[in-house]
Amino acid sequence: MIVCAATNNAGKLRELRRILTRCGHTVKSLRELGVTLDPEETGATFAENAALKAAAFCRATGLPTVADDSGLCVDALDGAPGVFSARYAGEHGNDDANNRKLLAALADVPEGARGAKFVSAVCLMLPGGRSLTVTGECPGAVGTALRGDNGFGYDPIFFVFEYGCSTAQLTMEQKNELSHRGKALRAMKEELK
């Protein structure tokens, strides 16, 4: 099946393409499809935002569309930055500013109280309006410094207990295995059976 990957985030596109291709789908980017929409993410949850994006891009392309909304939920910040993860520091997609702001917000929080989780909601929208939304989570903690360069977003400061390092220090295979987005897409694959 040809699937539209509804994201302008290069890191998410690589991840979606890698995982969906393994599931036997041909993934087309928004650029390849000539689509320049930027739907407003007005949902209060990751699932609502994923559905908003999937519906908008499905209408625009006429293709089955996969959209993800994801972010980092930090226990000590009552779940923030949450749905505002990409624009936590004000400018959408400024990874460096977002990481610096989060580290500053947690400066006085001791190591044992820095629990967090990556959350991903993935929505598959089909032409005609049928949809399926699944979620995945990756538990861990926010570290105290940037580590690694094999990722994007909050990966350099998100510590994964299973591997004892940041997600930016993992190989792509390791990251796909435990990532919130990978778990959500595998759940979608199971639901679609």
C-alpha atoms as a PDB file:
ATOM      1  CA  MET A   1       0.000   0.000   0.000  1.00  0.00           C
ATOM      2  CA  ILE A   2       1.223   3.537  -0.746  1.00  0.00           C
ATOM      3  CA  VAL A   3       1.060   5.587   2.437  1.00  0.00           C
ATOM      4  CA  CYS A   4       1.499   9.321   2.977  1.00  0.00           C
ATOM      5  CA  ALA A   5       3.760  10.080   5.950  1.00  0.00           C
ATOM      6  CA  ALA A   6       2.212  13.248   7.358  1.00  0.00           C
ATOM      7  CA  THR A   7       5.216  14.985   8.851  1.00  0.00           C
ATOM      8  CA  ASN A   8       7.599  17.789   7.979  1.00  0.00           C
ATOM      9  CA  ASN A   9      10.038  16.591  10.647  1.00  0.00           C
ATOM     10  CA  ALA A  10      12.967  14.885   8.874  1.00  0.00           C
ATOM     11  CA  GLY A  11      13.759  12.690  11.889  1.00  0.00           C
ATOM     12  CA  LYS A  12      10.175  11.440  12.195  1.00  0.00           C
ATOM     13  CA  LEU A  13       9.997  10.845   8.445  1.00  0.00           C
ATOM     14  CA  ARG A  14      13.122   8.655   8.549  1.00  0.00           C
ATOM     15  CA  GLU A  15      11.687   6.686  11.475  1.00  0.00           C
ATOM     16  CA  LEU A  16       8.214   6.288   9.920  1.00  0.00           C
ATOM     17  CA  ARG A  17       9.689   5.308   6.554  1.00  0.00           C
ATOM     18  CA  ARG A  18      12.054   2.753   8.096  1.00  0.00           C
ATOM     19  CA  ILE A  19       9.310   1.095  10.159  1.00  0.00           C
ATOM     20  CA  LEU A  20       6.492   1.216   7.574  1.00  0.00           C
ATOM     21  CA  THR A  21       8.756  -0.055   4.781  1.00  0.00           C
ATOM     22  CA  ARG A  22       9.564  -3.083   6.927  1.00  0.00           C
ATOM     23  CA  CYS A  23       5.799  -3.663   7.144  1.00  0.00           C
ATOM     24  CA  GLY A  24       5.643  -3.804   3.337  1.00  0.00           C
ATOM     25  CA  HIS A  25       4.340  -0.307   2.574  1.00  0.00           C
ATOM     26  CA  THR A  26       5.668   2.311   0.166  1.00  0.00           C
ATOM     27  CA  VAL A  27       6.003   5.594   2.054  1.00  0.00           C
ATOM     28  CA  LYS A  28       5.683   8.941   0.313  1.00  0.00           C
ATOM     29  CA  SER A  29       6.793  12.130   2.028  1.00  0.00           C
ATOM     30  CA  LEU A  30       4.838  15.359   1.868  1.00  0.00           C
ATOM     31  CA  ARG A  31       7.592  16.809  -0.304  1.00  0.00           C
ATOM     32  CA  GLU A  32       7.364  13.898  -2.751  1.00  0.00           C
ATOM     33  CA  LEU A  33       3.597  14.427  -2.902  1.00  0.00           C
ATOM     34  CA  GLY A  34       3.915  18.205  -3.319  1.00  0.00           C
ATOM     35  CA  VAL A  35       1.814  18.935  -0.226  1.00  0.00           C
ATOM     36  CA  THR A  36       2.622  22.036   1.808  1.00  0.00           C
ATOM     37  CA  LEU A  37      -0.168  22.074   4.412  1.00  0.00           C
ATOM     38  CA  ASP A  38       0.614  22.900   8.015  1.00  0.00           C
ATOM     39  CA  PRO A  39      -2.509  21.933   9.993  1.00  0.00           C
ATOM     40  CA  GLU A  40      -2.899  23.535  13.381  1.00  0.00           C
ATOM     41  CA  GLU A  41      -2.403  21.134  16.274  1.00  0.00           C
ATOM     42  CA  THR A  42      -5.282  22.211  18.502  1.00  0.00           C
ATOM     43  CA  GLY A  43      -5.899  18.879  20.243  1.00  0.00           C
ATOM     44  CA  ALA A  44      -5.496  18.460  23.976  1.00  0.00           C
ATOM     45  CA  THR A  45      -3.941  15.003  23.548  1.00  0.00           C
ATOM     46  CA  PHE A  46      -1.398  13.321  21.303  1.00  0.00           C
ATOM     47  CA  ALA A  47      -4.195  11.172  19.812  1.00  0.00           C
ATOM     48  CA  GLU A  48      -6.326  14.205  18.948  1.00  0.00           C
ATOM     49  CA  ASN A  49      -3.420  15.954  17.226  1.00  0.00           C
ATOM     50  CA  ALA A  50      -2.432  12.830  15.289  1.00  0.00           C
ATOM     51  CA  ALA A  51      -6.018  12.459  14.038  1.00  0.00           C
ATOM     52  CA  LEU A  52      -6.207  16.143  13.028  1.00  0.00           C
ATOM     53  CA  LYS A  53      -3.020  15.845  10.979  1.00  0.00           C
ATOM     54  CA  ALA A  54      -3.921  12.487   9.449  1.00  0.00           C
ATOM     55  CA  ALA A  55      -7.345  13.736   8.340  1.00  0.00           C
ATOM     56  CA  ALA A  56      -5.961  16.940   6.799  1.00  0.00           C
ATOM     57  CA  PHE A  57      -3.231  15.194   4.811  1.00  0.00           C
ATOM     58  CA  CYS A  58      -5.486  12.295   3.781  1.00  0.00           C
ATOM     59  CA  ARG A  59      -7.956  14.806   2.310  1.00  0.00           C
ATOM     60  CA  ALA A  60      -5.129  16.667   0.561  1.00  0.00           C
ATOM     61  CA  THR A  61      -3.477  13.575  -0.963  1.00  0.00           C
ATOM     62  CA  GLY A  62      -6.315  11.087  -1.325  1.00  0.00           C
ATOM     63  CA  LEU A  63      -3.944   8.469   0.102  1.00  0.00           C
ATOM     64  CA  PRO A  64      -4.014   6.422   3.281  1.00  0.00           C
ATOM     65  CA  THR A  65      -2.121   8.656   5.683  1.00  0.00           C
ATOM     66  CA  VAL A  66      -0.101   7.971   8.805  1.00  0.00           C
ATOM     67  CA  ALA A  67       0.376  10.858  11.209  1.00  0.00           C
ATOM     68  CA  ASP A  68       2.171  10.840  14.511  1.00  0.00           C
ATOM     69  CA  ASP A  69       1.962  13.227  17.403  1.00  0.00           C
ATOM     70  CA  SER A  70       4.464  12.563  20.091  1.00  0.00           C
ATOM     71  CA  GLY A  71       6.393  14.160  22.855  1.00  0.00           C
ATOM     72  CA  LEU A  72       8.057  13.895  26.201  1.00  0.00           C
ATOM     73  CA  CYS A  73       6.068  13.786  29.443  1.00  0.00           C
ATOM     74  CA  VAL A  74       8.133  14.556  32.542  1.00  0.00           C
ATOM     75  CA  ASP A  75       6.837  13.423  35.935  1.00  0.00           C
ATOM     76  CA  ALA A  76       8.368  16.316  37.923  1.00  0.00           C
ATOM     77  CA  LEU A  77       6.669  18.798  35.541  1.00  0.00           C
ATOM     78  CA  ASP A  78       3.201  17.198  35.779  1.00  0.00           C
ATOM     79  CA  GLY A  79       3.546  15.747  32.276  1.00  0.00           C
ATOM     80  CA  ALA A  80       4.998  18.823  30.571  1.00  0.00           C
ATOM     81  CA  PRO A  81       6.104  19.537  27.937  1.00  0.00           C
ATOM     82  CA  GLY A  82       3.604  16.919  26.643  1.00  0.00           C
ATOM     83  CA  VAL A  83       1.695  17.990  23.519  1.00  0.00           C
ATOM     84  CA  PHE A  84       3.781  21.167  23.471  1.00  0.00           C
ATOM     85  CA  SER A  85       7.086  19.253  23.210  1.00  0.00           C
ATOM     86  CA  ALA A  86       8.017  20.509  19.720  1.00  0.00           C
ATOM     87  CA  ARG A  87       7.380  24.140  20.694  1.00  0.00           C
ATOM     88  CA  TYR A  88       8.282  23.987  24.390  1.00  0.00           C
ATOM     89  CA  ALA A  89      10.804  26.839  24.129  1.00  0.00           C
ATOM     90  CA  GLY A  90       8.556  28.912  21.851  1.00  0.00           C
ATOM     91  CA  GLU A  91       9.866  28.150  18.368  1.00  0.00           C
ATOM     92  CA  HIS A  92       8.456  24.991  16.763  1.00  0.00           C
ATOM     93  CA  GLY A  93      11.117  22.349  16.190  1.00  0.00           C
ATOM     94  CA  ASN A  94      14.058  24.113  17.852  1.00  0.00           C
ATOM     95  CA  ASP A  95      15.560  21.003  19.463  1.00  0.00           C
ATOM     96  CA  ASP A  96      18.487  22.814  21.066  1.00  0.00           C
ATOM     97  CA  ALA A  97      16.294  25.469  22.714  1.00  0.00           C
ATOM     98  CA  ASN A  98      13.771  22.854  23.878  1.00  0.00           C
ATOM     99  CA  ASN A  99      16.502  20.717  25.454  1.00  0.00           C
ATOM    100  CA  ARG A 100      18.107  23.709  27.174  1.00  0.00           C
ATOM    101  CA  LYS A 101      14.754  24.873  28.578  1.00  0.00           C
ATOM    102  CA  LEU A 102      13.925  21.405  29.880  1.00  0.00           C
ATOM    103  CA  LEU A 103      17.327  20.953  31.516  1.00  0.00           C
ATOM    104  CA  ALA A 104      16.941  24.384  33.163  1.00  0.00           C
ATOM    105  CA  ALA A 105      13.441  23.486  34.408  1.00  0.00           C
ATOM    106  CA  LEU A 106      14.854  20.339  36.023  1.00  0.00           C
ATOM    107  CA  ALA A 107      18.069  21.893  37.344  1.00  0.00           C
ATOM    108  CA  ASP A 108      17.015  21.469  40.998  1.00  0.00           C
ATOM    109  CA  VAL A 109      15.330  18.083  40.539  1.00  0.00           C
ATOM    110  CA  PRO A 110      17.444  15.207  41.901  1.00  0.00           C
ATOM    111  CA  GLU A 111      18.446  12.348  39.617  1.00  0.00           C
ATOM    112  CA  GLY A 112      16.007   9.863  41.178  1.00  0.00           C
ATOM    113  CA  ALA A 113      13.030  12.171  40.583  1.00  0.00           C
ATOM    114  CA  ARG A 114      13.550  12.853  36.860  1.00  0.00           C
ATOM    115  CA  GLY A 115      11.273  10.105  35.527  1.00  0.00           C
ATOM    116  CA  ALA A 116       9.770  10.683  32.107  1.00  0.00           C
ATOM    117  CA  LYS A 117       8.318   8.888  29.132  1.00  0.00           C
ATOM    118  CA  PHE A 118       8.153   9.428  25.418  1.00  0.00           C
ATOM    119  CA  VAL A 119       4.581   9.011  24.175  1.00  0.00           C
ATOM    120  CA  SER A 120       3.483   8.565  20.565  1.00  0.00           C
ATOM    121  CA  ALA A 121      -0.014   8.433  19.109  1.00  0.00           C
ATOM    122  CA  VAL A 122      -0.113   7.244  15.510  1.00  0.00           C
ATOM    123  CA  CYS A 123      -3.254   7.629  13.434  1.00  0.00           C
ATOM    124  CA  LEU A 124      -3.893   5.867  10.140  1.00  0.00           C
ATOM    125  CA  MET A 125      -6.608   7.695   8.209  1.00  0.00           C
ATOM    126  CA  LEU A 126      -8.116   6.076   5.133  1.00  0.00           C
ATOM    127  CA  PRO A 127      -9.857   7.926   2.324  1.00  0.00           C
ATOM    128  CA  GLY A 128     -13.532   7.843   3.274  1.00  0.00           C
ATOM    129  CA  GLY A 129     -12.869   8.660   6.928  1.00  0.00           C
ATOM    130  CA  ARG A 130     -12.139   5.325   8.600  1.00  0.00           C
ATOM    131  CA  SER A 131      -9.261   5.579  11.036  1.00  0.00           C
ATOM    132  CA  LEU A 132      -7.239   3.707  13.589  1.00  0.00           C
ATOM    133  CA  THR A 133      -5.224   5.323  16.365  1.00  0.00           C
ATOM    134  CA  VAL A 134      -2.706   3.504  18.542  1.00  0.00           C
ATOM    135  CA  THR A 135      -0.231   4.659  21.170  1.00  0.00           C
ATOM    136  CA  GLY A 136       3.190   3.606  22.346  1.00  0.00           C
ATOM    137  CA  GLU A 137       5.337   4.639  25.288  1.00  0.00           C
ATOM    138  CA  CYS A 138       9.022   4.468  26.134  1.00  0.00           C
ATOM    139  CA  PRO A 139       9.790   4.950  29.850  1.00  0.00           C
ATOM    140  CA  GLY A 140      13.012   6.496  31.079  1.00  0.00           C
ATOM    141  CA  ALA A 141      14.339   9.640  32.713  1.00  0.00           C
ATOM    142  CA  VAL A 142      15.710  13.033  31.778  1.00  0.00           C
ATOM    143  CA  GLY A 143      19.471  13.164  32.158  1.00  0.00           C
ATOM    144  CA  THR A 144      21.514  16.169  33.229  1.00  0.00           C
ATOM    145  CA  ALA A 145      23.420  16.801  29.990  1.00  0.00           C
ATOM    146  CA  LEU A 146      23.239  16.195  26.242  1.00  0.00           C
ATOM    147  CA  ARG A 147      24.690  12.826  25.231  1.00  0.00           C
ATOM    148  CA  GLY A 148      24.992  11.276  21.774  1.00  0.00           C
ATOM    149  CA  ASP A 149      24.209  12.507  18.295  1.00  0.00           C
ATOM    150  CA  ASN A 150      22.160   9.657  16.840  1.00  0.00           C
ATOM    151  CA  GLY A 151      18.692  11.124  17.163  1.00  0.00           C
ATOM    152  CA  PHE A 152      16.578  14.252  17.232  1.00  0.00           C
ATOM    153  CA  GLY A 153      14.312  16.163  19.589  1.00  0.00           C
ATOM    154  CA  TYR A 154      14.838  15.202  23.217  1.00  0.00           C
ATOM    155  CA  ASP A 155      16.850  12.058  22.370  1.00  0.00           C
ATOM    156  CA  PRO A 156      20.175  13.489  23.658  1.00  0.00           C
ATOM    157  CA  ILE A 157      18.754  14.065  27.166  1.00  0.00           C
ATOM    158  CA  PHE A 158      16.373  11.099  27.452  1.00  0.00           C
ATOM    159  CA  PHE A 159      17.998   8.268  29.400  1.00  0.00           C
ATOM    160  CA  VAL A 160      16.796   4.719  28.657  1.00  0.00           C
ATOM    161  CA  PHE A 161      17.221   2.366  31.620  1.00  0.00           C
ATOM    162  CA  GLU A 162      17.309  -0.777  29.464  1.00  0.00           C
ATOM    163  CA  TYR A 163      20.510   0.343  27.731  1.00  0.00           C
ATOM    164  CA  GLY A 164      21.947   2.685  30.341  1.00  0.00           C
ATOM    165  CA  CYS A 165      22.373   5.572  27.895  1.00  0.00           C
ATOM    166  CA  SER A 166      20.484   8.308  26.073  1.00  0.00           C
ATOM    167  CA  THR A 167      18.340   7.401  23.074  1.00  0.00           C
ATOM    168  CA  ALA A 168      20.755   9.489  20.975  1.00  0.00           C
ATOM    169  CA  GLN A 169      23.479   6.950  21.843  1.00  0.00           C
ATOM    170  CA  LEU A 170      21.516   3.950  20.539  1.00  0.00           C
ATOM    171  CA  THR A 171      21.813   2.387  17.110  1.00  0.00           C
ATOM    172  CA  MET A 172      18.787   2.868  14.870  1.00  0.00           C
ATOM    173  CA  GLU A 173      17.890  -0.804  15.329  1.00  0.00           C
ATOM    174  CA  GLN A 174      17.940  -0.466  19.129  1.00  0.00           C
ATOM    175  CA  LYS A 175      15.942   2.752  18.998  1.00  0.00           C
ATOM    176  CA  ASN A 176      13.303   1.262  16.671  1.00  0.00           C
ATOM    177  CA  GLU A 177      12.917  -1.684  19.024  1.00  0.00           C
ATOM    178  CA  LEU A 178      12.136   0.349  22.134  1.00  0.00           C
ATOM    179  CA  SER A 179      10.938   3.710  20.807  1.00  0.00           C
ATOM    180  CA  HIS A 180       7.461   4.993  21.521  1.00  0.00           C
ATOM    181  CA  ARG A 181       6.839   5.434  17.781  1.00  0.00           C
ATOM    182  CA  GLY A 182       8.128   1.942  16.968  1.00  0.00           C
ATOM    183  CA  LYS A 183       5.848   0.433  19.632  1.00  0.00           C
ATOM    184  CA  ALA A 184       2.851   2.379  18.314  1.00  0.00           C
ATOM    185  CA  LEU A 185       3.509   1.309  14.720  1.00  0.00           C
ATOM    186  CA  ARG A 186       3.935  -2.332  15.731  1.00  0.00           C
ATOM    187  CA  ALA A 187       0.622  -2.100  17.627  1.00  0.00           C
ATOM    188  CA  MET A 188      -0.962  -0.667  14.478  1.00  0.00           C
ATOM    189  CA  LYS A 189       0.401  -3.536  12.411  1.00  0.00           C
ATOM    190  CA  GLU A 190      -1.178  -6.015  14.844  1.00  0.00           C
ATOM    191  CA  GLU A 191      -4.518  -4.160  14.808  1.00  0.00           C
ATOM    192  CA  LEU A 192      -4.564  -4.124  10.999  1.00  0.00           C
ATOM    193  CA  LYS A 193      -4.214  -7.922  10.830  1.00  0.00           C
END
